[in-house]
């Protein structure tokens, strides 16, 4: 995932651009991402729930009490706060992002809501900066297609997984859609499965209830 800090901030940060409420050109996306307040408002738009189905997504992860979840590209906390509720008092969520603006916003949000089981991580563009064997579930929503050095990143994720852990990928199908990034930025479902296979990860579960995105869950072979 080697890239300039600017590019990392624009895309991986705040849930990685693809969470836009309408399909946009790269130029339009850049304009929104440069304005943290506008981007946060877009990510938290209630209209997003209709296609993202956040409660159903979190339920499908089948989280267990005490598990540790890492939300990669946590952004404004759209999923991180929901994951915190599912993890419960004995669980923990690492909200990982490369944007200081998003981390600052999320820290304030967590403080104001009195949520104690989420820890924000200001990460590097090519490294989540989490300890080895510390995560039960990696959750990566609308972010995977913005990671450049994905084989390297997967090596790190595998090292950070606990035995029996899993990696959940939610991203937009590579076809014209009313939401998400330009077609050329998307990664097809089949390509993600091939990348994971090459990294020693097998497709364990696939959920098909999202209208515009694939939802794949992988485990170490």
Protein backbone atom coordinates (compact mmCIF):
# COMPACT_ATOMS: atom_id res chain seq x y z
CA UNK A 1 0.00 0.00 0.00
CA UNK A 2 2.83 2.38 -0.79
CA UNK A 3 1.47 5.76 -1.78
CA UNK A 4 1.90 9.38 -0.92
CA UNK A 5 0.50 10.62 2.37
CA UNK A 6 -1.91 12.79 0.42
CA UNK A 7 -3.33 9.86 -1.50
CA UNK A 8 -3.59 7.76 1.62
CA UNK A 9 -5.45 10.50 3.42
CA UNK A 10 -7.83 10.96 0.53
CA UNK A 11 -8.71 7.33 0.06
CA UNK A 12 -7.91 4.90 2.87
CA UNK A 13 -8.92 7.46 5.45
CA UNK A 14 -12.56 7.87 6.29
CA UNK A 15 -13.55 4.49 5.03
CA UNK A 16 -11.76 4.94 1.74
CA UNK A 17 -13.83 7.12 -0.51
CA UNK A 18 -15.90 4.31 -1.92
CA UNK A 19 -18.52 4.91 0.73
CA UNK A 20 -19.76 7.89 -1.27
CA UNK A 21 -23.53 8.19 -1.39
CA UNK A 22 -23.43 8.51 -5.18
CA UNK A 23 -21.05 7.43 -7.90
CA UNK A 24 -18.44 10.13 -8.50
CA UNK A 25 -15.52 10.84 -10.76
CA UNK A 26 -12.04 10.78 -9.18
CA UNK A 27 -11.96 14.58 -9.34
CA UNK A 28 -15.28 14.89 -7.51
CA UNK A 29 -14.15 12.41 -4.89
CA UNK A 30 -10.93 14.33 -4.27
CA UNK A 31 -12.90 17.52 -3.71
CA UNK A 32 -15.11 15.93 -1.06
CA UNK A 33 -12.22 14.19 0.69
CA UNK A 34 -10.31 17.45 1.09
CA UNK A 35 -13.11 18.78 3.29
CA UNK A 36 -13.26 16.61 6.45
CA UNK A 37 -16.63 18.02 7.57
CA UNK A 38 -18.22 17.36 4.20
CA UNK A 39 -16.74 13.88 4.06
CA UNK A 40 -17.94 12.99 7.56
CA UNK A 41 -21.43 14.23 6.70
CA UNK A 42 -21.41 12.08 3.58
CA UNK A 43 -20.23 8.96 5.42
CA UNK A 44 -22.85 9.41 8.13
CA UNK A 45 -25.72 10.26 5.77
CA UNK A 46 -28.70 8.20 7.01
CA UNK A 47 -29.56 7.44 3.38
CA UNK A 48 -26.45 5.26 3.24
CA UNK A 49 -28.03 2.71 5.56
CA UNK A 50 -30.45 1.58 2.86
CA UNK A 51 -27.74 -0.08 0.76
CA UNK A 52 -25.01 -0.59 3.35
CA UNK A 53 -27.29 -2.42 5.81
CA UNK A 54 -24.85 -1.87 8.71
CA UNK A 55 -26.77 -3.74 11.40
CA UNK A 56 -27.17 -6.77 9.15
CA UNK A 57 -23.48 -6.66 8.21
CA UNK A 58 -22.38 -6.56 11.84
CA UNK A 59 -24.77 -9.39 12.73
CA UNK A 60 -23.36 -11.50 9.87
CA UNK A 61 -19.87 -11.26 11.37
CA UNK A 62 -21.11 -13.45 14.25
CA UNK A 63 -18.87 -11.75 16.78
CA UNK A 64 -18.29 -13.47 20.08
CA UNK A 65 -17.99 -11.80 23.51
CA UNK A 66 -14.45 -10.74 24.21
CA UNK A 67 -13.28 -10.75 20.60
CA UNK A 68 -11.01 -8.05 19.19
CA UNK A 69 -12.10 -6.46 15.91
CA UNK A 70 -9.97 -4.15 13.75
CA UNK A 71 -11.94 -1.79 11.51
CA UNK A 72 -9.50 -0.85 8.74
CA UNK A 73 -10.37 2.52 7.25
CA UNK A 74 -12.69 3.33 10.16
CA UNK A 75 -13.14 6.95 9.13
CA UNK A 76 -15.97 8.67 11.00
CA UNK A 77 -16.81 5.53 12.96
CA UNK A 78 -19.83 4.46 10.90
CA UNK A 79 -19.05 0.80 11.53
CA UNK A 80 -16.65 1.11 14.47
CA UNK A 81 -19.36 2.26 16.87
CA UNK A 82 -21.68 -0.52 15.77
CA UNK A 83 -18.89 -3.05 16.12
CA UNK A 84 -18.24 -1.73 19.63
CA UNK A 85 -21.80 -2.53 20.60
CA UNK A 86 -21.51 -6.06 19.20
CA UNK A 87 -18.14 -6.65 20.91
CA UNK A 88 -19.58 -5.77 24.30
CA UNK A 89 -17.75 -4.69 27.44
CA UNK A 90 -15.29 -7.58 27.27
CA UNK A 91 -14.42 -7.01 23.60
CA UNK A 92 -12.41 -4.33 21.87
CA UNK A 93 -12.42 -2.52 18.56
CA UNK A 94 -9.33 -1.03 16.96
CA UNK A 95 -10.52 1.84 14.75
CA UNK A 96 -7.66 2.16 12.26
CA UNK A 97 -7.25 5.11 9.91
CA UNK A 98 -4.47 7.13 8.31
CA UNK A 99 -6.20 10.51 8.56
CA UNK A 100 -5.54 12.64 11.67
CA UNK A 101 -8.79 14.50 10.97
CA UNK A 102 -10.81 11.29 11.11
CA UNK A 103 -9.03 10.05 14.23
CA UNK A 104 -9.65 13.37 15.97
CA UNK A 105 -13.32 13.31 15.02
CA UNK A 106 -13.71 9.73 16.17
CA UNK A 107 -11.92 10.37 19.47
CA UNK A 108 -14.38 13.16 20.23
CA UNK A 109 -17.31 11.02 19.20
CA UNK A 110 -16.21 8.16 21.44
CA UNK A 111 -15.65 10.49 24.38
CA UNK A 112 -19.03 12.17 23.99
CA UNK A 113 -20.81 8.83 23.68
CA UNK A 114 -18.95 7.32 26.65
CA UNK A 115 -17.71 4.37 24.58
CA UNK A 116 -14.72 2.77 26.28
CA UNK A 117 -14.03 -0.35 24.22
CA UNK A 118 -12.79 1.38 21.05
CA UNK A 119 -9.16 2.35 20.62
CA UNK A 120 -8.27 4.57 17.68
CA UNK A 121 -5.06 3.87 15.75
CA UNK A 122 -3.43 6.49 13.53
CA UNK A 123 -1.85 4.04 11.11
CA UNK A 124 0.68 4.19 8.32
CA UNK A 125 -0.56 3.83 4.76
CA UNK A 126 1.18 0.46 4.41
CA UNK A 127 0.79 -0.87 7.96
CA UNK A 128 -2.16 -1.00 10.42
CA UNK A 129 0.39 -0.75 13.25
CA UNK A 130 -1.28 -3.39 15.39
CA UNK A 131 0.52 -5.98 17.53
CA UNK A 132 1.10 -9.51 16.29
CA UNK A 133 -1.60 -12.05 17.18
CA UNK A 134 -3.89 -9.32 18.54
CA UNK A 135 -6.97 -9.41 16.27
CA UNK A 136 -9.79 -11.93 15.94
CA UNK A 137 -11.60 -10.21 13.06
CA UNK A 138 -10.33 -7.73 10.49
CA UNK A 139 -13.23 -5.79 9.00
CA UNK A 140 -12.41 -3.90 5.79
CA UNK A 141 -15.34 -2.10 4.21
CA UNK A 142 -14.98 -0.17 0.93
CA UNK A 143 -11.24 0.17 1.53
CA UNK A 144 -9.52 -2.84 -0.01
CA UNK A 145 -9.46 -1.42 -3.54
CA UNK A 146 -7.43 1.57 -2.32
CA UNK A 147 -4.57 -0.51 -0.93
CA UNK A 148 -1.78 -0.64 -3.50
CA UNK A 149 0.59 -3.25 -2.05
CA UNK A 150 -2.09 -5.74 -1.10
CA UNK A 151 0.16 -8.85 -0.90
CA UNK A 152 2.39 -7.03 1.60
CA UNK A 153 -0.62 -5.79 3.54
CA UNK A 154 -2.06 -9.30 3.72
CA UNK A 155 1.22 -10.59 5.11
CA UNK A 156 0.88 -8.09 7.94
CA UNK A 157 -2.79 -8.90 8.53
CA UNK A 158 -2.04 -12.62 8.79
CA UNK A 159 0.69 -11.91 11.31
CA UNK A 160 -1.69 -9.78 13.37
CA UNK A 161 -4.48 -12.37 13.35
CA UNK A 162 -5.04 -14.62 16.32
CA UNK A 163 -5.34 -18.38 15.65
CA UNK A 164 -8.72 -19.03 14.07
CA UNK A 165 -9.17 -15.37 13.12
CA UNK A 166 -10.83 -14.09 9.98
CA UNK A 167 -10.69 -11.24 7.48
CA UNK A 168 -13.98 -9.80 6.23
CA UNK A 169 -13.97 -7.78 3.01
CA UNK A 170 -16.93 -5.66 1.88
CA UNK A 171 -16.45 -3.76 -1.37
CA UNK A 172 -18.30 -2.66 -4.47
CA UNK A 173 -18.84 -5.02 -7.39
CA UNK A 174 -16.83 -4.14 -10.47
CA UNK A 175 -19.72 -2.97 -12.60
CA UNK A 176 -21.60 0.30 -13.11
CA UNK A 177 -23.47 1.14 -9.91
CA UNK A 178 -25.39 4.12 -8.52
CA UNK A 179 -22.94 4.26 -5.58
CA UNK A 180 -19.24 3.96 -5.03
CA UNK A 181 -16.03 4.77 -6.88
CA UNK A 182 -15.40 4.90 -10.62
CA UNK A 183 -15.36 1.54 -12.36
CA UNK A 184 -11.62 1.63 -12.97
CA UNK A 185 -10.93 1.87 -9.23
CA UNK A 186 -12.94 -1.21 -8.28
CA UNK A 187 -11.63 -4.73 -7.72
CA UNK A 188 -13.78 -7.61 -8.89
CA UNK A 189 -14.92 -10.17 -6.35
CA UNK A 190 -13.08 -12.91 -8.24
CA UNK A 191 -9.81 -10.98 -8.09
CA UNK A 192 -10.10 -10.52 -4.33
CA UNK A 193 -10.59 -14.27 -3.91
CA UNK A 194 -7.49 -14.94 -6.06
CA UNK A 195 -5.41 -12.45 -4.04
CA UNK A 196 -6.45 -14.07 -0.80
CA UNK A 197 -5.76 -17.54 -2.15
CA UNK A 198 -2.24 -16.52 -3.15
CA UNK A 199 -1.72 -15.18 0.37
CA UNK A 200 -2.77 -18.47 1.96
CA UNK A 201 -6.34 -17.47 2.83
CA UNK A 202 -9.47 -19.40 1.84
CA UNK A 203 -12.99 -18.15 1.32
CA UNK A 204 -14.90 -19.44 4.34
CA UNK A 205 -18.20 -17.57 4.02
CA UNK A 206 -19.94 -15.33 1.48
CA UNK A 207 -22.95 -13.16 2.26
CA UNK A 208 -25.08 -11.97 -0.65
CA UNK A 209 -27.65 -9.67 0.96
CA UNK A 210 -25.93 -6.40 -0.03
CA UNK A 211 -27.30 -4.99 -3.29
CA UNK A 212 -24.12 -3.35 -4.59
CA UNK A 213 -21.26 -4.98 -2.69
CA UNK A 214 -19.71 -8.38 -2.14
CA UNK A 215 -19.17 -9.52 1.44
CA UNK A 216 -16.46 -12.16 1.73
CA UNK A 217 -15.02 -13.74 4.87
CA UNK A 218 -11.61 -15.44 4.71
CA UNK A 219 -9.65 -17.66 7.05
CA UNK A 220 -6.07 -18.87 7.01
CA UNK A 221 -5.73 -22.17 5.14
